[in-house]
Amino acid sequence: MKIEGDKAEGSLQEKTDAEVFAALKAGRSQALAILYDRHAGLVYGIACKMLGSTAEAEDLTQDIFLNLARSSFDPRRGSLRTYLSILARSRCLDRLRSWRNRQRPLERGRVELQGSPAADPTLEQLAQAERVAEVQTALAELSESQRQVLKMAYYEGMSQTEIAKQLDLPLGTVKARARRALLRLRELLGGPS
C-alpha cells in the first residue's frame, strides 16, 4: 500500500528537471531529493577535481543543493545540469580565491622572516606552471574535434550523450573521440599505458 506522498514523489520522478525544479520552487520538498539524486554526482565531481578535498566538495555540494530553491535557474535558458556545472565551477573558484586571499598575509609574513623577496615563486609553483604548460602543449597536439569533446566534458561538465546531441553526432563517435583524445594525452604526457 502506497501513501499519498509516495505517489506524488513517484510522479515527480518521471518529470523533467525543469518540472521538478518548478515543484521545488512551489515548496515540494521531495523535489529537492530527486534533483539531488540526479545531479549531486556531477556537482561533487567538479568540486572534488577543483578543490582537491572530499570534505570541501561535500560541503560545497550540500550548499548548492540547499540553496537551489532560491537560485536564479531559468529552464528557458538551458538545462539544470549545465546550470549546476557552471554554478559548481563558480563556487569552487570563489572558495579557491578566498583560501588564497587568507594565505597571502601568512605567506608575506613568512617571506619577510626569511628575508627573500615576495616575488620569488616557490618550487611548487614552478612545477605547477611547468605541468600546465606541458598539458597545454599536449592539448594542442590533439585534433580540433578531440579538443572540443574534452573541453565540453571536463570544462563544461557535459555528459557524452549531451555532447552528442549538441554536436549532432552519434554517441559512439563522441565516445571514440574522447577515448582517443585521452589515450593520446596519456601518451604525450608520459602516463601509464
N, C-alpha and C. Protein backbone atom coordinates (compact mmCIF):
# COMPACT_ATOMS: atom_id res chain seq x y z
N MET A 1 0.83 -1.19 0.00
CA MET A 1 0.00 0.00 0.00
C MET A 1 0.88 1.25 0.00
N LYS A 2 0.67 2.12 -0.95
CA LYS A 2 1.44 3.36 -1.04
C LYS A 2 0.68 4.48 -0.37
N ILE A 3 1.45 5.35 0.28
CA ILE A 3 0.82 6.53 0.86
C ILE A 3 0.82 7.64 -0.18
N GLU A 4 0.04 8.66 0.06
CA GLU A 4 -0.12 9.75 -0.90
C GLU A 4 1.20 10.41 -1.28
N GLY A 5 2.11 10.60 -0.31
CA GLY A 5 3.40 11.23 -0.58
C GLY A 5 4.23 10.41 -1.55
N ASP A 6 4.17 9.07 -1.43
CA ASP A 6 4.91 8.21 -2.34
C ASP A 6 4.40 8.37 -3.77
N LYS A 7 3.07 8.50 -3.93
CA LYS A 7 2.51 8.69 -5.27
C LYS A 7 3.01 9.99 -5.87
N ALA A 8 3.03 11.04 -5.05
CA ALA A 8 3.48 12.34 -5.54
C ALA A 8 4.95 12.29 -5.93
N GLU A 9 5.76 11.62 -5.09
CA GLU A 9 7.18 11.52 -5.41
C GLU A 9 7.39 10.68 -6.66
N GLY A 10 6.64 9.58 -6.77
CA GLY A 10 6.75 8.73 -7.95
C GLY A 10 6.41 9.49 -9.21
N SER A 11 5.38 10.32 -9.15
CA SER A 11 5.02 11.09 -10.34
C SER A 11 6.08 12.15 -10.64
N LEU A 12 6.71 12.68 -9.60
CA LEU A 12 7.79 13.65 -9.82
C LEU A 12 9.02 13.00 -10.44
N GLN A 13 9.27 11.75 -10.08
CA GLN A 13 10.44 11.03 -10.60
C GLN A 13 10.45 11.01 -12.13
N GLU A 14 9.28 10.95 -12.71
CA GLU A 14 9.19 10.85 -14.17
C GLU A 14 9.18 12.21 -14.87
N LYS A 15 9.20 13.27 -14.11
CA LYS A 15 9.16 14.61 -14.68
C LYS A 15 10.55 15.05 -15.13
N THR A 16 10.57 16.05 -15.99
CA THR A 16 11.85 16.63 -16.43
C THR A 16 12.45 17.44 -15.29
N ASP A 17 13.72 17.77 -15.42
CA ASP A 17 14.37 18.60 -14.41
C ASP A 17 13.64 19.93 -14.23
N ALA A 18 13.21 20.52 -15.33
CA ALA A 18 12.51 21.81 -15.26
C ALA A 18 11.22 21.68 -14.46
N GLU A 19 10.49 20.58 -14.68
CA GLU A 19 9.24 20.37 -13.95
C GLU A 19 9.50 20.10 -12.47
N VAL A 20 10.53 19.32 -12.18
CA VAL A 20 10.86 19.03 -10.78
C VAL A 20 11.35 20.31 -10.10
N PHE A 21 12.11 21.13 -10.82
CA PHE A 21 12.57 22.40 -10.25
C PHE A 21 11.38 23.31 -9.94
N ALA A 22 10.39 23.34 -10.83
CA ALA A 22 9.18 24.13 -10.57
C ALA A 22 8.47 23.63 -9.32
N ALA A 23 8.45 22.31 -9.13
CA ALA A 23 7.84 21.74 -7.92
C ALA A 23 8.63 22.15 -6.68
N LEU A 24 9.95 22.20 -6.80
CA LEU A 24 10.79 22.64 -5.69
C LEU A 24 10.48 24.10 -5.34
N LYS A 25 10.38 24.94 -6.36
CA LYS A 25 10.06 26.35 -6.14
C LYS A 25 8.68 26.50 -5.48
N ALA A 26 7.78 25.55 -5.78
CA ALA A 26 6.42 25.59 -5.21
C ALA A 26 6.38 25.03 -3.80
N GLY A 27 7.53 24.57 -3.30
CA GLY A 27 7.59 24.11 -1.92
C GLY A 27 7.51 22.62 -1.71
N ARG A 28 7.57 21.83 -2.76
CA ARG A 28 7.52 20.37 -2.61
C ARG A 28 8.91 19.86 -2.28
N SER A 29 9.11 19.51 -1.02
CA SER A 29 10.45 19.15 -0.53
C SER A 29 11.01 17.90 -1.19
N GLN A 30 10.16 16.96 -1.60
CA GLN A 30 10.68 15.75 -2.24
C GLN A 30 11.34 16.06 -3.58
N ALA A 31 11.04 17.21 -4.16
CA ALA A 31 11.67 17.60 -5.42
C ALA A 31 13.17 17.80 -5.24
N LEU A 32 13.57 18.33 -4.09
CA LEU A 32 15.00 18.52 -3.82
C LEU A 32 15.73 17.19 -3.81
N ALA A 33 15.14 16.19 -3.18
CA ALA A 33 15.76 14.86 -3.12
C ALA A 33 15.92 14.27 -4.52
N ILE A 34 14.95 14.48 -5.36
CA ILE A 34 15.02 13.96 -6.73
C ILE A 34 16.13 14.65 -7.51
N LEU A 35 16.20 15.97 -7.42
CA LEU A 35 17.25 16.70 -8.13
C LEU A 35 18.62 16.36 -7.57
N TYR A 36 18.70 16.18 -6.27
CA TYR A 36 19.98 15.79 -5.65
C TYR A 36 20.42 14.43 -6.18
N ASP A 37 19.50 13.47 -6.21
CA ASP A 37 19.84 12.14 -6.72
C ASP A 37 20.31 12.20 -8.17
N ARG A 38 19.70 13.05 -8.96
CA ARG A 38 20.04 13.15 -10.38
C ARG A 38 21.39 13.85 -10.62
N HIS A 39 21.70 14.87 -9.82
CA HIS A 39 22.82 15.74 -10.19
C HIS A 39 23.91 15.94 -9.15
N ALA A 40 23.77 15.37 -7.96
CA ALA A 40 24.79 15.58 -6.93
C ALA A 40 26.14 15.03 -7.36
N GLY A 41 26.14 13.91 -8.07
CA GLY A 41 27.40 13.32 -8.53
C GLY A 41 28.19 14.26 -9.43
N LEU A 42 27.50 14.95 -10.30
CA LEU A 42 28.14 15.91 -11.19
C LEU A 42 28.77 17.05 -10.39
N VAL A 43 27.98 17.64 -9.49
CA VAL A 43 28.47 18.78 -8.69
C VAL A 43 29.64 18.34 -7.82
N TYR A 44 29.49 17.19 -7.17
CA TYR A 44 30.54 16.68 -6.29
C TYR A 44 31.82 16.39 -7.09
N GLY A 45 31.68 15.81 -8.27
CA GLY A 45 32.85 15.51 -9.10
C GLY A 45 33.62 16.76 -9.50
N ILE A 46 32.90 17.78 -9.90
CA ILE A 46 33.55 19.05 -10.27
C ILE A 46 34.26 19.63 -9.05
N ALA A 47 33.57 19.63 -7.92
CA ALA A 47 34.14 20.20 -6.69
C ALA A 47 35.37 19.43 -6.24
N CYS A 48 35.32 18.11 -6.32
CA CYS A 48 36.48 17.29 -5.93
C CYS A 48 37.69 17.61 -6.79
N LYS A 49 37.47 17.68 -8.09
CA LYS A 49 38.58 17.97 -9.01
C LYS A 49 39.18 19.35 -8.75
N MET A 50 38.32 20.31 -8.54
CA MET A 50 38.81 21.68 -8.41
C MET A 50 39.35 22.00 -7.02
N LEU A 51 38.73 21.46 -5.98
CA LEU A 51 39.13 21.80 -4.62
C LEU A 51 40.15 20.83 -4.04
N GLY A 52 40.19 19.61 -4.58
CA GLY A 52 41.16 18.63 -4.11
C GLY A 52 40.87 18.10 -2.72
N SER A 53 39.67 18.27 -2.23
CA SER A 53 39.31 17.82 -0.88
C SER A 53 37.90 17.26 -0.91
N THR A 54 37.75 16.01 -0.48
CA THR A 54 36.41 15.41 -0.48
C THR A 54 35.50 16.12 0.52
N ALA A 55 36.05 16.53 1.66
CA ALA A 55 35.23 17.22 2.67
C ALA A 55 34.72 18.56 2.13
N GLU A 56 35.60 19.31 1.47
CA GLU A 56 35.19 20.60 0.89
C GLU A 56 34.19 20.38 -0.24
N ALA A 57 34.41 19.32 -1.03
CA ALA A 57 33.49 19.01 -2.14
C ALA A 57 32.11 18.66 -1.60
N GLU A 58 32.06 17.87 -0.53
CA GLU A 58 30.77 17.52 0.08
C GLU A 58 30.07 18.77 0.60
N ASP A 59 30.82 19.65 1.25
CA ASP A 59 30.26 20.88 1.81
C ASP A 59 29.70 21.77 0.70
N LEU A 60 30.46 21.93 -0.37
CA LEU A 60 30.02 22.77 -1.48
C LEU A 60 28.78 22.18 -2.15
N THR A 61 28.77 20.85 -2.34
CA THR A 61 27.62 20.18 -2.96
C THR A 61 26.37 20.42 -2.12
N GLN A 62 26.50 20.25 -0.81
CA GLN A 62 25.37 20.47 0.09
C GLN A 62 24.89 21.92 0.00
N ASP A 63 25.80 22.87 0.03
CA ASP A 63 25.42 24.29 -0.06
C ASP A 63 24.64 24.59 -1.34
N ILE A 64 25.12 24.07 -2.45
CA ILE A 64 24.47 24.33 -3.73
C ILE A 64 23.05 23.80 -3.73
N PHE A 65 22.87 22.57 -3.25
CA PHE A 65 21.52 21.99 -3.28
C PHE A 65 20.60 22.60 -2.23
N LEU A 66 21.13 22.98 -1.08
CA LEU A 66 20.28 23.60 -0.06
C LEU A 66 19.78 24.97 -0.51
N ASN A 67 20.53 25.63 -1.36
CA ASN A 67 20.14 26.96 -1.85
C ASN A 67 19.51 26.92 -3.24
N LEU A 68 19.28 25.73 -3.77
CA LEU A 68 18.77 25.59 -5.13
C LEU A 68 17.39 26.23 -5.30
N ALA A 69 16.53 26.11 -4.31
CA ALA A 69 15.17 26.68 -4.43
C ALA A 69 15.21 28.20 -4.58
N ARG A 70 16.24 28.83 -4.04
CA ARG A 70 16.36 30.30 -4.12
C ARG A 70 17.23 30.74 -5.30
N SER A 71 17.66 29.80 -6.10
CA SER A 71 18.59 30.13 -7.18
C SER A 71 17.89 30.83 -8.34
N SER A 72 18.70 31.32 -9.25
CA SER A 72 18.18 32.07 -10.41
C SER A 72 18.05 31.18 -11.65
N PHE A 73 18.03 29.86 -11.47
CA PHE A 73 17.93 28.96 -12.62
C PHE A 73 16.65 29.25 -13.41
N ASP A 74 16.82 29.35 -14.73
CA ASP A 74 15.69 29.56 -15.63
C ASP A 74 15.75 28.48 -16.70
N PRO A 75 14.80 27.52 -16.67
CA PRO A 75 14.84 26.41 -17.63
C PRO A 75 14.80 26.84 -19.09
N ARG A 76 14.32 28.04 -19.37
CA ARG A 76 14.27 28.51 -20.76
C ARG A 76 15.65 28.85 -21.29
N ARG A 77 16.61 29.06 -20.38
CA ARG A 77 17.96 29.47 -20.79
C ARG A 77 18.92 28.30 -20.91
N GLY A 78 18.53 27.11 -20.48
CA GLY A 78 19.41 25.96 -20.57
C GLY A 78 19.02 24.88 -19.59
N SER A 79 19.76 23.80 -19.62
CA SER A 79 19.44 22.66 -18.76
C SER A 79 19.91 22.91 -17.33
N LEU A 80 19.28 22.22 -16.39
CA LEU A 80 19.68 22.32 -14.99
C LEU A 80 21.08 21.75 -14.82
N ARG A 81 21.39 20.71 -15.56
CA ARG A 81 22.72 20.10 -15.48
C ARG A 81 23.81 21.12 -15.83
N THR A 82 23.60 21.86 -16.89
CA THR A 82 24.57 22.88 -17.29
C THR A 82 24.64 23.99 -16.24
N TYR A 83 23.48 24.41 -15.75
CA TYR A 83 23.44 25.45 -14.72
C TYR A 83 24.22 25.01 -13.49
N LEU A 84 23.99 23.77 -13.03
CA LEU A 84 24.68 23.27 -11.84
C LEU A 84 26.18 23.15 -12.08
N SER A 85 26.58 22.75 -13.28
CA SER A 85 28.01 22.65 -13.62
C SER A 85 28.68 24.02 -13.51
N ILE A 86 28.05 25.01 -14.10
CA ILE A 86 28.61 26.36 -14.08
C ILE A 86 28.62 26.91 -12.65
N LEU A 87 27.53 26.67 -11.92
CA LEU A 87 27.44 27.14 -10.54
C LEU A 87 28.51 26.48 -9.67
N ALA A 88 28.69 25.17 -9.84
CA ALA A 88 29.71 24.46 -9.05
C ALA A 88 31.10 25.01 -9.35
N ARG A 89 31.40 25.19 -10.62
CA ARG A 89 32.71 25.72 -11.00
C ARG A 89 32.92 27.12 -10.42
N SER A 90 31.90 27.96 -10.52
CA SER A 90 31.99 29.32 -9.99
C SER A 90 32.20 29.33 -8.48
N ARG A 91 31.45 28.50 -7.77
CA ARG A 91 31.59 28.44 -6.31
C ARG A 91 32.96 27.89 -5.91
N CYS A 92 33.47 26.94 -6.68
CA CYS A 92 34.82 26.42 -6.41
C CYS A 92 35.86 27.51 -6.58
N LEU A 93 35.75 28.26 -7.66
CA LEU A 93 36.69 29.36 -7.89
C LEU A 93 36.61 30.39 -6.77
N ASP A 94 35.39 30.68 -6.31
CA ASP A 94 35.24 31.61 -5.18
C ASP A 94 35.97 31.10 -3.95
N ARG A 95 35.82 29.81 -3.66
CA ARG A 95 36.49 29.23 -2.48
C ARG A 95 38.00 29.25 -2.64
N LEU A 96 38.47 28.92 -3.83
CA LEU A 96 39.92 28.93 -4.05
C LEU A 96 40.48 30.34 -3.88
N ARG A 97 39.78 31.34 -4.40
CA ARG A 97 40.23 32.73 -4.23
C ARG A 97 40.23 33.11 -2.75
N SER A 98 39.20 32.71 -2.06
CA SER A 98 39.10 33.02 -0.63
C SER A 98 40.26 32.40 0.14
N TRP A 99 40.57 31.16 -0.16
CA TRP A 99 41.70 30.48 0.51
C TRP A 99 43.00 31.21 0.21
N ARG A 100 43.18 31.57 -1.06
CA ARG A 100 44.41 32.24 -1.48
C ARG A 100 44.55 33.58 -0.77
N ASN A 101 43.44 34.32 -0.68
CA ASN A 101 43.48 35.63 -0.01
C ASN A 101 43.78 35.49 1.47
N ARG A 102 43.28 34.43 2.11
CA ARG A 102 43.56 34.22 3.53
C ARG A 102 45.01 33.82 3.76
N GLN A 103 45.62 33.16 2.77
CA GLN A 103 47.00 32.69 2.94
C GLN A 103 48.03 33.77 2.61
N ARG A 104 47.67 34.75 1.83
CA ARG A 104 48.64 35.78 1.41
C ARG A 104 49.29 36.49 2.58
N PRO A 105 48.53 36.97 3.58
CA PRO A 105 49.21 37.63 4.71
C PRO A 105 50.18 36.69 5.41
N LEU A 106 49.83 35.43 5.54
CA LEU A 106 50.74 34.47 6.17
C LEU A 106 52.00 34.29 5.34
N GLU A 107 51.83 34.18 4.02
CA GLU A 107 52.98 34.00 3.14
C GLU A 107 53.88 35.23 3.16
N ARG A 108 53.27 36.43 3.18
CA ARG A 108 54.06 37.65 3.23
C ARG A 108 54.89 37.69 4.51
N GLY A 109 54.27 37.33 5.61
CA GLY A 109 54.99 37.31 6.88
C GLY A 109 56.12 36.31 6.86
N ARG A 110 55.89 35.15 6.28
CA ARG A 110 56.91 34.11 6.20
C ARG A 110 58.06 34.58 5.32
N VAL A 111 57.72 35.23 4.20
CA VAL A 111 58.75 35.72 3.28
C VAL A 111 59.60 36.78 3.95
N GLU A 112 58.95 37.70 4.67
CA GLU A 112 59.70 38.75 5.35
C GLU A 112 60.62 38.17 6.40
N LEU A 113 60.16 37.14 7.10
CA LEU A 113 61.00 36.50 8.11
C LEU A 113 62.20 35.81 7.47
N GLN A 114 61.98 35.23 6.30
CA GLN A 114 63.07 34.52 5.62
C GLN A 114 64.00 35.49 4.91
N GLY A 115 63.55 36.70 4.69
CA GLY A 115 64.38 37.71 4.04
C GLY A 115 64.45 37.56 2.53
N SER A 116 63.59 36.75 1.92
CA SER A 116 63.60 36.60 0.47
C SER A 116 62.50 37.47 -0.13
N PRO A 117 62.67 37.93 -1.34
CA PRO A 117 61.66 38.79 -1.95
C PRO A 117 60.35 38.05 -2.20
N ALA A 118 59.23 38.76 -2.05
CA ALA A 118 57.91 38.16 -2.19
C ALA A 118 57.62 37.71 -3.62
N ALA A 119 58.36 38.24 -4.60
CA ALA A 119 58.08 37.91 -5.99
C ALA A 119 58.64 36.56 -6.40
N ASP A 120 59.55 35.96 -5.62
CA ASP A 120 60.14 34.68 -5.99
C ASP A 120 59.11 33.57 -5.91
N PRO A 121 58.89 32.87 -7.02
CA PRO A 121 57.94 31.76 -6.98
C PRO A 121 58.54 30.57 -6.24
N THR A 122 57.70 29.81 -5.61
CA THR A 122 58.17 28.62 -4.91
C THR A 122 58.42 27.51 -5.92
N LEU A 123 59.12 26.49 -5.50
CA LEU A 123 59.36 25.34 -6.38
C LEU A 123 58.05 24.69 -6.80
N GLU A 124 57.11 24.65 -5.87
CA GLU A 124 55.81 24.05 -6.17
C GLU A 124 55.09 24.83 -7.27
N GLN A 125 55.14 26.16 -7.20
CA GLN A 125 54.51 26.99 -8.22
C GLN A 125 55.18 26.81 -9.57
N LEU A 126 56.49 26.72 -9.57
CA LEU A 126 57.22 26.50 -10.82
C LEU A 126 56.87 25.15 -11.43
N ALA A 127 56.81 24.12 -10.58
CA ALA A 127 56.46 22.79 -11.07
C ALA A 127 55.04 22.77 -11.63
N GLN A 128 54.14 23.45 -10.95
CA GLN A 128 52.76 23.51 -11.42
C GLN A 128 52.67 24.25 -12.75
N ALA A 129 53.37 25.36 -12.87
CA ALA A 129 53.37 26.13 -14.12
C ALA A 129 53.94 25.30 -15.26
N GLU A 130 54.98 24.54 -14.96
CA GLU A 130 55.58 23.67 -15.98
C GLU A 130 54.60 22.59 -16.42
N ARG A 131 53.88 22.01 -15.45
CA ARG A 131 52.91 20.96 -15.77
C ARG A 131 51.76 21.52 -16.60
N VAL A 132 51.31 22.73 -16.27
CA VAL A 132 50.24 23.37 -17.04
C VAL A 132 50.70 23.58 -18.48
N ALA A 133 51.93 24.03 -18.65
CA ALA A 133 52.48 24.24 -20.00
C ALA A 133 52.55 22.92 -20.76
N GLU A 134 52.95 21.84 -20.08
CA GLU A 134 53.01 20.52 -20.71
C GLU A 134 51.63 20.08 -21.18
N VAL A 135 50.63 20.27 -20.33
CA VAL A 135 49.26 19.87 -20.67
C VAL A 135 48.75 20.70 -21.85
N GLN A 136 49.01 22.01 -21.84
CA GLN A 136 48.57 22.86 -22.94
C GLN A 136 49.23 22.46 -24.25
N THR A 137 50.50 22.13 -24.19
CA THR A 137 51.21 21.67 -25.38
C THR A 137 50.62 20.37 -25.88
N ALA A 138 50.33 19.46 -24.95
CA ALA A 138 49.74 18.17 -25.33
C ALA A 138 48.36 18.36 -25.93
N LEU A 139 47.57 19.24 -25.35
CA LEU A 139 46.23 19.51 -25.88
C LEU A 139 46.31 20.07 -27.30
N ALA A 140 47.32 20.88 -27.56
CA ALA A 140 47.49 21.46 -28.90
C ALA A 140 47.80 20.39 -29.94
N GLU A 141 48.33 19.25 -29.49
CA GLU A 141 48.64 18.14 -30.40
C GLU A 141 47.40 17.37 -30.83
N LEU A 142 46.30 17.52 -30.09
CA LEU A 142 45.07 16.80 -30.42
C LEU A 142 44.37 17.46 -31.60
N SER A 143 43.52 16.70 -32.25
CA SER A 143 42.72 17.29 -33.33
C SER A 143 41.69 18.23 -32.71
N GLU A 144 41.19 19.14 -33.50
CA GLU A 144 40.19 20.10 -33.02
C GLU A 144 38.96 19.37 -32.48
N SER A 145 38.53 18.32 -33.15
CA SER A 145 37.33 17.59 -32.70
C SER A 145 37.58 16.90 -31.36
N GLN A 146 38.78 16.38 -31.15
CA GLN A 146 39.11 15.74 -29.87
C GLN A 146 39.17 16.79 -28.75
N ARG A 147 39.80 17.92 -29.02
CA ARG A 147 39.87 19.01 -28.03
C ARG A 147 38.48 19.48 -27.64
N GLN A 148 37.61 19.62 -28.65
CA GLN A 148 36.26 20.10 -28.41
C GLN A 148 35.49 19.16 -27.49
N VAL A 149 35.59 17.86 -27.72
CA VAL A 149 34.89 16.87 -26.89
C VAL A 149 35.42 16.92 -25.46
N LEU A 150 36.74 17.00 -25.29
CA LEU A 150 37.31 17.06 -23.94
C LEU A 150 36.89 18.34 -23.22
N LYS A 151 36.90 19.46 -23.94
CA LYS A 151 36.50 20.74 -23.34
C LYS A 151 35.06 20.67 -22.85
N MET A 152 34.18 20.14 -23.67
CA MET A 152 32.77 20.06 -23.30
C MET A 152 32.57 19.11 -22.10
N ALA A 153 33.34 18.04 -22.07
CA ALA A 153 33.19 17.07 -20.98
C ALA A 153 33.80 17.57 -19.68
N TYR A 154 35.01 18.09 -19.73
CA TYR A 154 35.73 18.41 -18.50
C TYR A 154 35.58 19.85 -18.03
N TYR A 155 35.41 20.78 -18.94
CA TYR A 155 35.27 22.17 -18.52
C TYR A 155 33.81 22.59 -18.39
N GLU A 156 32.96 21.99 -19.21
CA GLU A 156 31.54 22.35 -19.18
C GLU A 156 30.71 21.32 -18.43
N GLY A 157 31.32 20.19 -18.06
CA GLY A 157 30.63 19.17 -17.27
C GLY A 157 29.52 18.44 -18.01
N MET A 158 29.61 18.38 -19.32
CA MET A 158 28.56 17.73 -20.10
C MET A 158 28.80 16.22 -20.18
N SER A 159 27.71 15.47 -20.24
CA SER A 159 27.83 14.03 -20.44
C SER A 159 28.09 13.77 -21.92
N GLN A 160 28.52 12.56 -22.23
CA GLN A 160 28.78 12.23 -23.64
C GLN A 160 27.49 12.28 -24.45
N THR A 161 26.38 11.92 -23.84
CA THR A 161 25.09 11.99 -24.53
C THR A 161 24.75 13.44 -24.87
N GLU A 162 24.98 14.35 -23.93
CA GLU A 162 24.71 15.77 -24.17
C GLU A 162 25.63 16.32 -25.25
N ILE A 163 26.88 15.90 -25.23
CA ILE A 163 27.84 16.34 -26.26
C ILE A 163 27.37 15.87 -27.63
N ALA A 164 26.96 14.61 -27.70
CA ALA A 164 26.49 14.05 -28.98
C ALA A 164 25.30 14.84 -29.51
N LYS A 165 24.37 15.18 -28.63
CA LYS A 165 23.19 15.96 -29.06
C LYS A 165 23.60 17.35 -29.53
N GLN A 166 24.46 18.01 -28.76
CA GLN A 166 24.85 19.38 -29.11
C GLN A 166 25.64 19.43 -30.41
N LEU A 167 26.50 18.44 -30.64
CA LEU A 167 27.31 18.43 -31.86
C LEU A 167 26.63 17.70 -33.01
N ASP A 168 25.46 17.15 -32.73
CA ASP A 168 24.71 16.39 -33.74
C ASP A 168 25.56 15.25 -34.31
N LEU A 169 26.14 14.47 -33.38
CA LEU A 169 26.98 13.33 -33.75
C LEU A 169 26.43 12.07 -33.09
N PRO A 170 26.72 10.91 -33.65
CA PRO A 170 26.35 9.67 -32.96
C PRO A 170 27.12 9.56 -31.64
N LEU A 171 26.49 8.97 -30.63
CA LEU A 171 27.12 8.81 -29.32
C LEU A 171 28.43 8.04 -29.45
N GLY A 172 28.47 7.03 -30.28
CA GLY A 172 29.68 6.23 -30.47
C GLY A 172 30.85 7.07 -30.97
N THR A 173 30.57 8.04 -31.83
CA THR A 173 31.62 8.92 -32.34
C THR A 173 32.19 9.78 -31.23
N VAL A 174 31.32 10.31 -30.38
CA VAL A 174 31.77 11.14 -29.25
C VAL A 174 32.62 10.30 -28.31
N LYS A 175 32.17 9.08 -28.01
CA LYS A 175 32.92 8.20 -27.11
C LYS A 175 34.29 7.87 -27.70
N ALA A 176 34.33 7.60 -28.99
CA ALA A 176 35.59 7.25 -29.65
C ALA A 176 36.55 8.44 -29.63
N ARG A 177 36.05 9.64 -29.91
CA ARG A 177 36.91 10.83 -29.89
C ARG A 177 37.47 11.08 -28.49
N ALA A 178 36.61 10.93 -27.49
CA ALA A 178 37.07 11.15 -26.11
C ALA A 178 38.12 10.12 -25.73
N ARG A 179 37.90 8.89 -26.07
CA ARG A 179 38.85 7.83 -25.72
C ARG A 179 40.19 8.05 -26.43
N ARG A 180 40.13 8.33 -27.73
CA ARG A 180 41.37 8.56 -28.48
C ARG A 180 42.12 9.78 -27.93
N ALA A 181 41.37 10.82 -27.58
CA ALA A 181 41.99 12.03 -27.03
C ALA A 181 42.68 11.74 -25.71
N LEU A 182 42.02 11.01 -24.83
CA LEU A 182 42.62 10.70 -23.53
C LEU A 182 43.83 9.78 -23.67
N LEU A 183 43.75 8.82 -24.58
CA LEU A 183 44.90 7.94 -24.81
C LEU A 183 46.08 8.73 -25.37
N ARG A 184 45.80 9.64 -26.28
CA ARG A 184 46.87 10.46 -26.87
C ARG A 184 47.49 11.38 -25.80
N LEU A 185 46.65 11.97 -24.95
CA LEU A 185 47.17 12.81 -23.87
C LEU A 185 48.06 12.00 -22.94
N ARG A 186 47.62 10.81 -22.60
CA ARG A 186 48.41 9.94 -21.72
C ARG A 186 49.77 9.66 -22.36
N GLU A 187 49.75 9.38 -23.65
CA GLU A 187 50.99 9.10 -24.38
C GLU A 187 51.90 10.33 -24.38
N LEU A 188 51.33 11.49 -24.69
CA LEU A 188 52.12 12.72 -24.77
C LEU A 188 52.66 13.17 -23.41
N LEU A 189 51.91 12.90 -22.36
CA LEU A 189 52.31 13.34 -21.02
C LEU A 189 53.09 12.28 -20.26
N GLY A 190 53.34 11.15 -20.92
CA GLY A 190 54.16 10.11 -20.29
C GLY A 190 53.46 9.35 -19.18
N GLY A 191 52.13 9.23 -19.27
CA GLY A 191 51.38 8.47 -18.27
C GLY A 191 51.47 6.98 -18.52
N PRO A 192 50.91 6.16 -17.60
CA PRO A 192 50.94 4.71 -17.77
C PRO A 192 50.11 4.28 -18.97
N SER A 193 50.55 3.27 -19.65
CA SER A 193 49.84 2.81 -20.85
C SER A 193 48.68 1.92 -20.50
